[in-house]
Amino acid sequence: MNRIVFATGNENKMKEIREILGDLNTEIISLKQAGIDVEIIEDGKSFEENALIKARAIWKETKGIVLADDSGLEVDYLNGEPGIYSARYLGEDTSYDIKNKAIIDRLEGVPDEKRTARFVCVIAAVFPDGTELTTRGTIEGIIGYEQKGDNGFGYDPIVYVPELKKTTAELSMEEKNEISHRGNALRKMKKNIIKYL
């Protein structure tokens, strides 16, 4: 049975993933649903390395098709911070309210053209035969001046997308999937999965 294990416990992410990969006619399950609980040390120096570390670790447990992602926010004015440390920025258990406010505060007085930022998502796949692939998606925006919107999660309320005149937290699920970094990376990966299947 061709099922895909996605190396995450994040239900918000799983919703987005199932939405985009839904037409693959294969079951897509989270780590919890697969009954996998392994400690993974993400010590890579890039989104690609971290996504592959996760995918390989879970592949060792399942030997099936495994997908993993690593994603984060890169703020150009902050030299690409928080980057691969997005989840652990300002401490493991710090709320995104505090993280978002900290980034806005650090950009105080910085003009729009220097507030450029992007969400980056890398999807890594390991296939049953051990083949490895990564795809990358981004969504460009600028850091807003306040948190706006109740949809989405993480840094969504502070990333303003000028073409849409909205933050990514003000987008509907459909709008977001269409343009999101994860959506872009997943659609690229989907082509590879279809080839493989």
N, C-alpha and C. Protein backbone atom coordinates (compact mmCIF):
# COMPACT_ATOMS: atom_id res chain seq x y z
N MET A 1 0.84 -1.20 0.00
CA MET A 1 0.00 0.00 0.00
C MET A 1 0.87 1.25 0.00
N ASN A 2 0.62 2.11 -0.96
CA ASN A 2 1.41 3.34 -1.05
C ASN A 2 0.89 4.39 -0.10
N ARG A 3 1.47 4.45 1.09
CA ARG A 3 1.05 5.57 1.91
C ARG A 3 2.26 6.46 2.12
N ILE A 4 1.98 7.70 2.40
CA ILE A 4 3.06 8.66 2.60
C ILE A 4 3.04 9.09 4.05
N VAL A 5 4.18 8.98 4.69
CA VAL A 5 4.28 9.48 6.06
C VAL A 5 4.91 10.86 5.99
N PHE A 6 4.23 11.84 6.55
CA PHE A 6 4.79 13.19 6.59
C PHE A 6 5.33 13.43 7.99
N ALA A 7 6.62 13.74 8.06
CA ALA A 7 7.30 13.84 9.35
C ALA A 7 6.95 15.13 10.09
N THR A 8 5.73 15.17 10.60
CA THR A 8 5.33 16.31 11.43
C THR A 8 4.27 15.86 12.42
N GLY A 9 4.16 16.58 13.50
CA GLY A 9 3.08 16.33 14.44
C GLY A 9 2.13 17.51 14.43
N ASN A 10 2.41 18.49 13.54
CA ASN A 10 1.65 19.73 13.50
C ASN A 10 0.37 19.55 12.66
N GLU A 11 -0.78 19.57 13.34
CA GLU A 11 -2.04 19.31 12.63
C GLU A 11 -2.38 20.42 11.62
N ASN A 12 -1.99 21.68 11.94
CA ASN A 12 -2.22 22.77 10.97
C ASN A 12 -1.52 22.46 9.66
N LYS A 13 -0.27 21.99 9.80
CA LYS A 13 0.52 21.65 8.62
C LYS A 13 -0.12 20.49 7.86
N MET A 14 -0.57 19.47 8.61
CA MET A 14 -1.15 18.28 7.97
C MET A 14 -2.38 18.66 7.14
N LYS A 15 -3.17 19.61 7.65
CA LYS A 15 -4.36 20.07 6.92
C LYS A 15 -3.94 20.62 5.55
N GLU A 16 -2.93 21.50 5.60
CA GLU A 16 -2.43 22.15 4.38
C GLU A 16 -1.88 21.10 3.40
N ILE A 17 -1.13 20.15 3.95
CA ILE A 17 -0.49 19.12 3.13
C ILE A 17 -1.52 18.23 2.45
N ARG A 18 -2.53 17.79 3.23
CA ARG A 18 -3.57 16.90 2.67
C ARG A 18 -4.35 17.62 1.58
N GLU A 19 -4.59 18.91 1.81
CA GLU A 19 -5.31 19.73 0.83
C GLU A 19 -4.57 19.73 -0.51
N ILE A 20 -3.25 19.89 -0.47
CA ILE A 20 -2.47 20.04 -1.69
C ILE A 20 -2.14 18.69 -2.34
N LEU A 21 -1.91 17.68 -1.53
CA LEU A 21 -1.55 16.36 -2.09
C LEU A 21 -2.76 15.44 -2.16
N GLY A 22 -3.94 15.99 -1.88
CA GLY A 22 -5.15 15.18 -1.78
C GLY A 22 -5.47 14.32 -2.99
N ASP A 23 -5.08 14.77 -4.18
CA ASP A 23 -5.46 14.01 -5.38
C ASP A 23 -4.42 12.95 -5.78
N LEU A 24 -3.51 12.63 -4.88
CA LEU A 24 -2.52 11.58 -5.20
C LEU A 24 -3.10 10.18 -5.02
N ASN A 25 -4.34 10.10 -4.49
CA ASN A 25 -4.97 8.80 -4.22
C ASN A 25 -4.11 7.91 -3.33
N THR A 26 -3.50 8.52 -2.36
CA THR A 26 -2.73 7.73 -1.42
C THR A 26 -2.92 8.34 -0.04
N GLU A 27 -2.88 7.52 0.97
CA GLU A 27 -3.11 8.01 2.33
C GLU A 27 -1.90 8.82 2.79
N ILE A 28 -2.15 9.97 3.40
CA ILE A 28 -1.06 10.80 3.91
C ILE A 28 -1.23 10.90 5.41
N ILE A 29 -0.28 10.36 6.14
CA ILE A 29 -0.44 10.30 7.59
C ILE A 29 0.69 11.02 8.33
N SER A 30 0.37 11.49 9.52
CA SER A 30 1.36 12.18 10.36
C SER A 30 2.16 11.15 11.14
N LEU A 31 3.18 11.61 11.82
CA LEU A 31 4.00 10.71 12.65
C LEU A 31 3.14 10.02 13.70
N LYS A 32 2.25 10.81 14.31
CA LYS A 32 1.41 10.28 15.38
C LYS A 32 0.55 9.14 14.83
N GLN A 33 -0.06 9.38 13.65
CA GLN A 33 -0.91 8.35 13.06
C GLN A 33 -0.11 7.11 12.68
N ALA A 34 1.17 7.31 12.35
CA ALA A 34 2.02 6.18 11.99
C ALA A 34 2.58 5.49 13.23
N GLY A 35 2.31 6.11 14.39
CA GLY A 35 2.80 5.54 15.65
C GLY A 35 4.31 5.66 15.80
N ILE A 36 4.88 6.70 15.21
CA ILE A 36 6.34 6.88 15.27
C ILE A 36 6.67 8.00 16.24
N ASP A 37 7.58 7.70 17.15
CA ASP A 37 8.01 8.71 18.10
C ASP A 37 9.52 8.60 18.25
N VAL A 38 10.24 9.36 17.44
CA VAL A 38 11.70 9.32 17.54
C VAL A 38 12.22 10.72 17.79
N GLU A 39 13.30 10.79 18.51
CA GLU A 39 13.95 12.07 18.80
C GLU A 39 14.82 12.41 17.59
N ILE A 40 14.58 13.56 16.97
CA ILE A 40 15.39 13.94 15.81
C ILE A 40 16.14 15.22 16.14
N ILE A 41 17.44 15.17 16.01
CA ILE A 41 18.25 16.37 16.25
C ILE A 41 18.45 17.08 14.92
N GLU A 42 17.83 18.25 14.79
CA GLU A 42 17.98 19.02 13.55
C GLU A 42 19.18 19.93 13.70
N ASP A 43 20.33 19.44 13.25
CA ASP A 43 21.54 20.26 13.41
C ASP A 43 22.12 20.66 12.06
N GLY A 44 21.27 20.67 11.03
CA GLY A 44 21.73 21.09 9.71
C GLY A 44 21.97 22.59 9.67
N LYS A 45 22.66 23.03 8.63
CA LYS A 45 22.98 24.45 8.49
C LYS A 45 22.08 25.13 7.45
N SER A 46 21.14 24.37 6.91
CA SER A 46 20.23 24.95 5.90
C SER A 46 18.88 24.26 6.03
N PHE A 47 17.86 24.86 5.41
CA PHE A 47 16.54 24.24 5.39
C PHE A 47 16.61 22.85 4.74
N GLU A 48 17.40 22.76 3.64
CA GLU A 48 17.53 21.48 2.93
C GLU A 48 18.09 20.40 3.86
N GLU A 49 19.18 20.73 4.55
CA GLU A 49 19.81 19.74 5.44
C GLU A 49 18.85 19.28 6.53
N ASN A 50 18.16 20.23 7.15
CA ASN A 50 17.25 19.87 8.24
C ASN A 50 16.08 19.02 7.75
N ALA A 51 15.54 19.35 6.58
CA ALA A 51 14.42 18.57 6.05
C ALA A 51 14.87 17.14 5.75
N LEU A 52 16.08 17.00 5.19
CA LEU A 52 16.60 15.65 4.90
C LEU A 52 16.90 14.86 6.17
N ILE A 53 17.41 15.54 7.20
CA ILE A 53 17.69 14.85 8.47
C ILE A 53 16.40 14.22 8.99
N LYS A 54 15.30 14.99 8.94
CA LYS A 54 14.01 14.48 9.42
C LYS A 54 13.51 13.33 8.55
N ALA A 55 13.56 13.53 7.23
CA ALA A 55 13.02 12.50 6.32
C ALA A 55 13.80 11.19 6.46
N ARG A 56 15.13 11.29 6.54
CA ARG A 56 15.95 10.06 6.66
C ARG A 56 15.65 9.31 7.96
N ALA A 57 15.49 10.08 9.05
CA ALA A 57 15.25 9.44 10.34
C ALA A 57 13.94 8.65 10.32
N ILE A 58 12.92 9.23 9.71
CA ILE A 58 11.61 8.55 9.68
C ILE A 58 11.63 7.42 8.65
N TRP A 59 12.36 7.61 7.57
CA TRP A 59 12.46 6.56 6.54
C TRP A 59 13.07 5.29 7.14
N LYS A 60 14.04 5.46 8.04
CA LYS A 60 14.65 4.29 8.70
C LYS A 60 13.59 3.48 9.44
N GLU A 61 12.57 4.16 9.92
CA GLU A 61 11.50 3.48 10.67
C GLU A 61 10.47 2.84 9.75
N THR A 62 10.24 3.42 8.57
CA THR A 62 9.11 2.97 7.74
C THR A 62 9.52 2.32 6.42
N LYS A 63 10.63 2.75 5.85
CA LYS A 63 11.11 2.30 4.53
C LYS A 63 10.10 2.57 3.42
N GLY A 64 9.11 3.41 3.70
CA GLY A 64 8.12 3.76 2.68
C GLY A 64 8.46 5.12 2.09
N ILE A 65 7.44 5.81 1.55
CA ILE A 65 7.66 7.18 1.08
C ILE A 65 7.54 8.10 2.29
N VAL A 66 8.58 8.87 2.53
CA VAL A 66 8.55 9.80 3.66
C VAL A 66 8.80 11.21 3.14
N LEU A 67 7.99 12.13 3.63
CA LEU A 67 8.20 13.54 3.32
C LEU A 67 8.45 14.29 4.63
N ALA A 68 9.29 15.29 4.56
CA ALA A 68 9.51 16.14 5.73
C ALA A 68 9.70 17.55 5.22
N ASP A 69 9.42 18.53 6.07
CA ASP A 69 9.68 19.88 5.62
C ASP A 69 10.47 20.63 6.67
N ASP A 70 11.15 21.63 6.22
CA ASP A 70 11.75 22.57 7.14
C ASP A 70 11.42 23.92 6.58
N SER A 71 10.92 24.78 7.43
CA SER A 71 10.51 26.07 6.90
C SER A 71 10.79 27.15 7.92
N GLY A 72 10.77 28.37 7.44
CA GLY A 72 11.02 29.47 8.36
C GLY A 72 10.90 30.79 7.65
N LEU A 73 11.17 31.82 8.41
CA LEU A 73 11.07 33.18 7.91
C LEU A 73 12.47 33.77 7.82
N GLU A 74 12.78 34.37 6.67
CA GLU A 74 14.05 35.08 6.51
C GLU A 74 13.77 36.57 6.36
N VAL A 75 14.31 37.36 7.28
CA VAL A 75 14.14 38.81 7.21
C VAL A 75 15.47 39.40 6.75
N ASP A 76 15.47 40.04 5.58
CA ASP A 76 16.72 40.52 4.99
C ASP A 76 17.46 41.51 5.89
N TYR A 77 16.72 42.43 6.49
CA TYR A 77 17.34 43.46 7.33
C TYR A 77 18.03 42.83 8.55
N LEU A 78 17.56 41.64 8.96
CA LEU A 78 18.16 40.93 10.11
C LEU A 78 19.12 39.84 9.64
N ASN A 79 19.72 40.08 8.46
CA ASN A 79 20.67 39.10 7.89
C ASN A 79 20.10 37.70 7.76
N GLY A 80 18.81 37.63 7.40
CA GLY A 80 18.21 36.31 7.18
C GLY A 80 17.65 35.67 8.45
N GLU A 81 17.76 36.36 9.57
CA GLU A 81 17.16 35.78 10.79
C GLU A 81 15.64 35.83 10.68
N PRO A 82 14.90 35.02 11.43
CA PRO A 82 15.35 33.90 12.26
C PRO A 82 15.77 32.67 11.46
N GLY A 83 15.41 32.61 10.16
CA GLY A 83 15.91 31.54 9.28
C GLY A 83 15.62 30.14 9.81
N ILE A 84 16.65 29.29 9.80
CA ILE A 84 16.43 27.89 10.21
C ILE A 84 16.10 27.79 11.70
N TYR A 85 16.27 28.90 12.42
CA TYR A 85 15.94 28.87 13.85
C TYR A 85 14.55 29.45 14.13
N SER A 86 13.73 29.58 13.09
CA SER A 86 12.43 30.24 13.24
C SER A 86 11.59 29.66 14.39
N ALA A 87 11.54 28.34 14.50
CA ALA A 87 10.72 27.73 15.55
C ALA A 87 11.33 27.94 16.93
N ARG A 88 12.64 28.00 16.99
CA ARG A 88 13.32 28.10 18.29
C ARG A 88 13.75 29.54 18.61
N TYR A 89 13.37 30.46 17.75
CA TYR A 89 13.75 31.87 17.90
C TYR A 89 13.27 32.39 19.26
N LEU A 90 14.16 33.03 20.01
CA LEU A 90 13.86 33.58 21.34
C LEU A 90 13.44 32.50 22.34
N GLY A 91 13.83 31.26 22.08
CA GLY A 91 13.52 30.18 23.02
C GLY A 91 12.41 29.27 22.53
N GLU A 92 12.57 28.01 22.85
CA GLU A 92 11.70 26.92 22.41
C GLU A 92 10.21 27.20 22.68
N ASP A 93 9.88 27.71 23.87
CA ASP A 93 8.47 27.82 24.25
C ASP A 93 7.92 29.24 24.16
N THR A 94 8.65 30.12 23.50
CA THR A 94 8.20 31.50 23.37
C THR A 94 7.02 31.57 22.40
N SER A 95 5.97 32.28 22.78
CA SER A 95 4.79 32.35 21.90
C SER A 95 5.11 33.18 20.66
N TYR A 96 4.37 32.90 19.58
CA TYR A 96 4.59 33.66 18.34
C TYR A 96 4.18 35.11 18.49
N ASP A 97 3.27 35.38 19.42
CA ASP A 97 2.93 36.77 19.70
C ASP A 97 4.18 37.55 20.09
N ILE A 98 4.95 36.96 20.97
CA ILE A 98 6.19 37.60 21.46
C ILE A 98 7.24 37.66 20.34
N LYS A 99 7.39 36.55 19.61
CA LYS A 99 8.37 36.51 18.50
C LYS A 99 8.03 37.57 17.46
N ASN A 100 6.74 37.62 17.08
CA ASN A 100 6.32 38.57 16.05
C ASN A 100 6.55 40.01 16.50
N LYS A 101 6.22 40.27 17.76
CA LYS A 101 6.40 41.62 18.29
C LYS A 101 7.90 41.98 18.30
N ALA A 102 8.74 41.01 18.65
CA ALA A 102 10.18 41.26 18.71
C ALA A 102 10.72 41.63 17.33
N ILE A 103 10.26 40.95 16.29
CA ILE A 103 10.73 41.25 14.94
C ILE A 103 10.26 42.64 14.52
N ILE A 104 8.99 42.95 14.78
CA ILE A 104 8.47 44.29 14.46
C ILE A 104 9.30 45.35 15.19
N ASP A 105 9.57 45.11 16.47
CA ASP A 105 10.36 46.07 17.27
C ASP A 105 11.77 46.25 16.71
N ARG A 106 12.38 45.15 16.27
CA ARG A 106 13.75 45.25 15.74
C ARG A 106 13.80 46.02 14.42
N LEU A 107 12.65 46.12 13.75
CA LEU A 107 12.60 46.84 12.48
C LEU A 107 12.01 48.24 12.63
N GLU A 108 11.93 48.70 13.86
CA GLU A 108 11.35 50.02 14.09
C GLU A 108 12.13 51.08 13.30
N GLY A 109 11.40 51.93 12.57
CA GLY A 109 12.04 53.01 11.83
C GLY A 109 12.65 52.58 10.50
N VAL A 110 12.56 51.28 10.18
CA VAL A 110 13.13 50.77 8.92
C VAL A 110 12.08 50.95 7.81
N PRO A 111 12.46 51.60 6.69
CA PRO A 111 11.47 51.86 5.63
C PRO A 111 11.06 50.58 4.88
N ASP A 112 9.89 50.65 4.23
CA ASP A 112 9.33 49.49 3.51
C ASP A 112 10.35 48.75 2.65
N GLU A 113 11.13 49.51 1.87
CA GLU A 113 12.00 48.84 0.89
C GLU A 113 13.10 48.02 1.57
N LYS A 114 13.31 48.25 2.87
CA LYS A 114 14.31 47.45 3.59
C LYS A 114 13.68 46.41 4.50
N ARG A 115 12.35 46.28 4.42
CA ARG A 115 11.63 45.34 5.30
C ARG A 115 11.36 44.02 4.59
N THR A 116 12.04 43.79 3.47
CA THR A 116 11.77 42.59 2.67
C THR A 116 12.06 41.32 3.46
N ALA A 117 11.20 40.32 3.21
CA ALA A 117 11.32 39.06 3.93
C ALA A 117 10.67 37.98 3.09
N ARG A 118 10.95 36.76 3.42
CA ARG A 118 10.26 35.67 2.72
C ARG A 118 10.09 34.48 3.64
N PHE A 119 9.01 33.76 3.39
CA PHE A 119 8.85 32.45 4.00
C PHE A 119 9.53 31.47 3.05
N VAL A 120 10.29 30.56 3.62
CA VAL A 120 10.96 29.53 2.82
C VAL A 120 10.47 28.18 3.32
N CYS A 121 10.19 27.29 2.40
CA CYS A 121 9.86 25.92 2.80
C CYS A 121 10.61 24.97 1.89
N VAL A 122 11.29 24.02 2.49
CA VAL A 122 11.94 22.96 1.72
C VAL A 122 11.25 21.65 2.09
N ILE A 123 10.83 20.92 1.07
CA ILE A 123 10.26 19.59 1.28
C ILE A 123 11.33 18.59 0.87
N ALA A 124 11.58 17.64 1.76
CA ALA A 124 12.51 16.55 1.42
C ALA A 124 11.72 15.27 1.32
N ALA A 125 12.10 14.43 0.37
CA ALA A 125 11.45 13.12 0.22
C ALA A 125 12.51 12.06 0.22
N VAL A 126 12.20 10.95 0.89
CA VAL A 126 13.01 9.75 0.73
C VAL A 126 12.05 8.66 0.28
N PHE A 127 12.38 8.03 -0.83
CA PHE A 127 11.52 7.00 -1.41
C PHE A 127 11.97 5.62 -0.93
N PRO A 128 11.09 4.60 -1.10
CA PRO A 128 11.42 3.27 -0.58
C PRO A 128 12.80 2.75 -1.01
N ASP A 129 13.25 3.13 -2.21
CA ASP A 129 14.56 2.63 -2.66
C ASP A 129 15.73 3.49 -2.15
N GLY A 130 15.40 4.48 -1.29
CA GLY A 130 16.46 5.29 -0.73
C GLY A 130 16.78 6.56 -1.52
N THR A 131 16.11 6.75 -2.67
CA THR A 131 16.31 7.98 -3.45
C THR A 131 15.89 9.18 -2.62
N GLU A 132 16.68 10.25 -2.68
CA GLU A 132 16.37 11.47 -1.93
C GLU A 132 16.19 12.66 -2.87
N LEU A 133 15.24 13.50 -2.54
CA LEU A 133 14.98 14.70 -3.35
C LEU A 133 14.58 15.85 -2.44
N THR A 134 14.89 17.08 -2.84
CA THR A 134 14.33 18.22 -2.12
C THR A 134 13.76 19.22 -3.12
N THR A 135 12.72 19.92 -2.71
CA THR A 135 12.17 21.02 -3.50
C THR A 135 12.01 22.22 -2.56
N ARG A 136 12.09 23.42 -3.13
CA ARG A 136 12.04 24.63 -2.31
C ARG A 136 10.96 25.56 -2.85
N GLY A 137 10.19 26.14 -1.94
CA GLY A 137 9.20 27.14 -2.32
C GLY A 137 9.36 28.36 -1.44
N THR A 138 9.03 29.53 -1.98
CA THR A 138 9.12 30.76 -1.17
C THR A 138 7.89 31.62 -1.41
N ILE A 139 7.64 32.51 -0.49
CA ILE A 139 6.63 33.54 -0.69
C ILE A 139 7.26 34.84 -0.21
N GLU A 140 7.32 35.82 -1.11
CA GLU A 140 8.00 37.08 -0.80
C GLU A 140 7.01 38.07 -0.20
N GLY A 141 7.50 38.85 0.73
CA GLY A 141 6.64 39.87 1.32
C GLY A 141 7.49 40.90 2.04
N ILE A 142 6.84 41.71 2.86
CA ILE A 142 7.59 42.63 3.71
C ILE A 142 7.05 42.47 5.14
N ILE A 143 7.88 42.82 6.10
CA ILE A 143 7.43 42.73 7.50
C ILE A 143 6.51 43.93 7.77
N GLY A 144 5.30 43.63 8.23
CA GLY A 144 4.32 44.67 8.51
C GLY A 144 4.69 45.46 9.76
N TYR A 145 3.85 46.44 10.07
CA TYR A 145 4.12 47.31 11.22
C TYR A 145 3.33 46.86 12.45
N GLU A 146 2.41 45.93 12.24
CA GLU A 146 1.64 45.37 13.36
C GLU A 146 1.18 43.98 12.95
N GLN A 147 0.75 43.21 13.94
CA GLN A 147 0.24 41.87 13.64
C GLN A 147 -1.19 42.00 13.14
N LYS A 148 -1.48 41.30 12.05
CA LYS A 148 -2.83 41.39 11.47
C LYS A 148 -3.30 40.05 10.97
N GLY A 149 -4.56 39.71 11.28
CA GLY A 149 -5.17 38.50 10.73
C GLY A 149 -5.19 37.36 11.73
N ASP A 150 -6.22 36.52 11.62
CA ASP A 150 -6.40 35.41 12.56
C ASP A 150 -6.25 34.05 11.90
N ASN A 151 -6.08 34.04 10.59
CA ASN A 151 -5.88 32.75 9.91
C ASN A 151 -4.39 32.45 9.99
N GLY A 152 -4.04 31.23 9.68
CA GLY A 152 -2.62 30.89 9.66
C GLY A 152 -2.06 30.75 11.06
N PHE A 153 -0.75 30.64 11.14
CA PHE A 153 -0.09 30.41 12.43
C PHE A 153 1.34 30.92 12.32
N GLY A 154 2.06 30.86 13.41
CA GLY A 154 3.46 31.27 13.37
C GLY A 154 3.63 32.74 13.04
N TYR A 155 4.46 33.00 12.03
CA TYR A 155 4.79 34.38 11.66
C TYR A 155 3.80 34.99 10.66
N ASP A 156 2.75 34.24 10.33
CA ASP A 156 1.79 34.72 9.32
C ASP A 156 1.28 36.15 9.57
N PRO A 157 0.98 36.55 10.83
CA PRO A 157 0.39 37.89 11.03
C PRO A 157 1.32 39.06 10.71
N ILE A 158 2.63 38.82 10.55
CA ILE A 158 3.52 39.97 10.29
C ILE A 158 4.08 40.01 8.87
N VAL A 159 3.79 38.99 8.07
CA VAL A 159 4.31 38.99 6.70
C VAL A 159 3.23 39.50 5.75
N TYR A 160 3.48 40.70 5.24
CA TYR A 160 2.52 41.40 4.39
C TYR A 160 2.91 41.16 2.93
N VAL A 161 1.92 40.72 2.14
CA VAL A 161 2.19 40.44 0.72
C VAL A 161 1.62 41.60 -0.09
N PRO A 162 2.50 42.51 -0.59
CA PRO A 162 2.02 43.73 -1.25
C PRO A 162 1.02 43.50 -2.38
N GLU A 163 1.26 42.47 -3.23
CA GLU A 163 0.32 42.27 -4.36
C GLU A 163 -1.09 41.98 -3.86
N LEU A 164 -1.20 41.31 -2.72
CA LEU A 164 -2.52 40.92 -2.22
C LEU A 164 -3.06 41.93 -1.21
N LYS A 165 -2.19 42.88 -0.81
CA LYS A 165 -2.57 43.87 0.21
C LYS A 165 -3.08 43.22 1.49
N LYS A 166 -2.48 42.10 1.86
CA LYS A 166 -2.89 41.37 3.07
C LYS A 166 -1.67 40.71 3.68
N THR A 167 -1.75 40.43 4.98
CA THR A 167 -0.72 39.57 5.58
C THR A 167 -1.12 38.12 5.26
N THR A 168 -0.18 37.20 5.43
CA THR A 168 -0.52 35.80 5.14
C THR A 168 -1.52 35.25 6.16
N ALA A 169 -1.70 35.95 7.29
CA ALA A 169 -2.72 35.53 8.27
C ALA A 169 -4.11 36.07 7.91
N GLU A 170 -4.17 36.93 6.89
CA GLU A 170 -5.48 37.44 6.45
C GLU A 170 -5.99 36.69 5.21
N LEU A 171 -5.21 35.73 4.74
CA LEU A 171 -5.62 34.97 3.55
C LEU A 171 -6.52 33.82 3.95
N SER A 172 -7.44 33.47 3.07
CA SER A 172 -8.24 32.25 3.31
C SER A 172 -7.33 31.05 3.06
N MET A 173 -7.75 29.88 3.53
CA MET A 173 -6.99 28.64 3.33
C MET A 173 -6.69 28.44 1.84
N GLU A 174 -7.71 28.69 0.99
CA GLU A 174 -7.54 28.48 -0.46
C GLU A 174 -6.49 29.45 -1.02
N GLU A 175 -6.62 30.73 -0.65
CA GLU A 175 -5.66 31.73 -1.13
C GLU A 175 -4.25 31.36 -0.68
N LYS A 176 -4.16 30.96 0.57
CA LYS A 176 -2.84 30.67 1.12
C LYS A 176 -2.20 29.47 0.41
N ASN A 177 -2.99 28.40 0.24
CA ASN A 177 -2.44 27.22 -0.41
C ASN A 177 -1.96 27.52 -1.82
N GLU A 178 -2.65 28.46 -2.47
CA GLU A 178 -2.28 28.81 -3.82
C GLU A 178 -0.91 29.47 -3.91
N ILE A 179 -0.58 30.31 -2.91
CA ILE A 179 0.67 31.07 -3.02
C ILE A 179 1.71 30.71 -1.96
N SER A 180 1.34 29.87 -0.98
CA SER A 180 2.25 29.70 0.15
C SER A 180 3.54 28.99 -0.24
N HIS A 181 4.57 29.25 0.55
CA HIS A 181 5.87 28.61 0.37
C HIS A 181 5.74 27.09 0.45
N ARG A 182 4.93 26.63 1.40
CA ARG A 182 4.75 25.17 1.53
C ARG A 182 3.99 24.64 0.33
N GLY A 183 2.96 25.41 -0.10
CA GLY A 183 2.20 25.00 -1.27
C GLY A 183 3.08 24.89 -2.51
N ASN A 184 3.94 25.88 -2.71
CA ASN A 184 4.84 25.87 -3.87
C ASN A 184 5.78 24.68 -3.83
N ALA A 185 6.39 24.45 -2.66
CA ALA A 185 7.36 23.34 -2.54
C ALA A 185 6.65 22.00 -2.69
N LEU A 186 5.44 21.90 -2.12
CA LEU A 186 4.69 20.64 -2.20
C LEU A 186 4.26 20.34 -3.63
N ARG A 187 3.83 21.38 -4.36
CA ARG A 187 3.42 21.14 -5.75
C ARG A 187 4.59 20.65 -6.60
N LYS A 188 5.78 21.22 -6.35
CA LYS A 188 6.97 20.75 -7.09
C LYS A 188 7.27 19.29 -6.72
N MET A 189 7.15 18.99 -5.42
CA MET A 189 7.44 17.63 -4.96
C MET A 189 6.40 16.64 -5.49
N LYS A 190 5.15 17.12 -5.58
CA LYS A 190 4.05 16.25 -6.04
C LYS A 190 4.38 15.67 -7.42
N LYS A 191 4.97 16.50 -8.31
CA LYS A 191 5.34 16.02 -9.64
C LYS A 191 6.32 14.85 -9.53
N ASN A 192 7.27 14.96 -8.59
CA ASN A 192 8.23 13.88 -8.41
C ASN A 192 7.58 12.62 -7.84
N ILE A 193 6.61 12.81 -6.93
CA ILE A 193 5.93 11.65 -6.34
C ILE A 193 5.12 10.94 -7.41
N ILE A 194 4.45 11.72 -8.26
CA ILE A 194 3.65 11.12 -9.34
C ILE A 194 4.54 10.30 -10.25
N LYS A 195 5.70 10.85 -10.60
CA LYS A 195 6.66 10.10 -11.42
C LYS A 195 7.04 8.79 -10.73
N TYR A 196 7.29 8.91 -9.44
CA TYR A 196 7.74 7.72 -8.69
C TYR A 196 6.65 6.67 -8.64
N LEU A 197 5.40 7.12 -8.35
CA LEU A 197 4.31 6.16 -8.22
C LEU A 197 3.97 5.53 -9.57
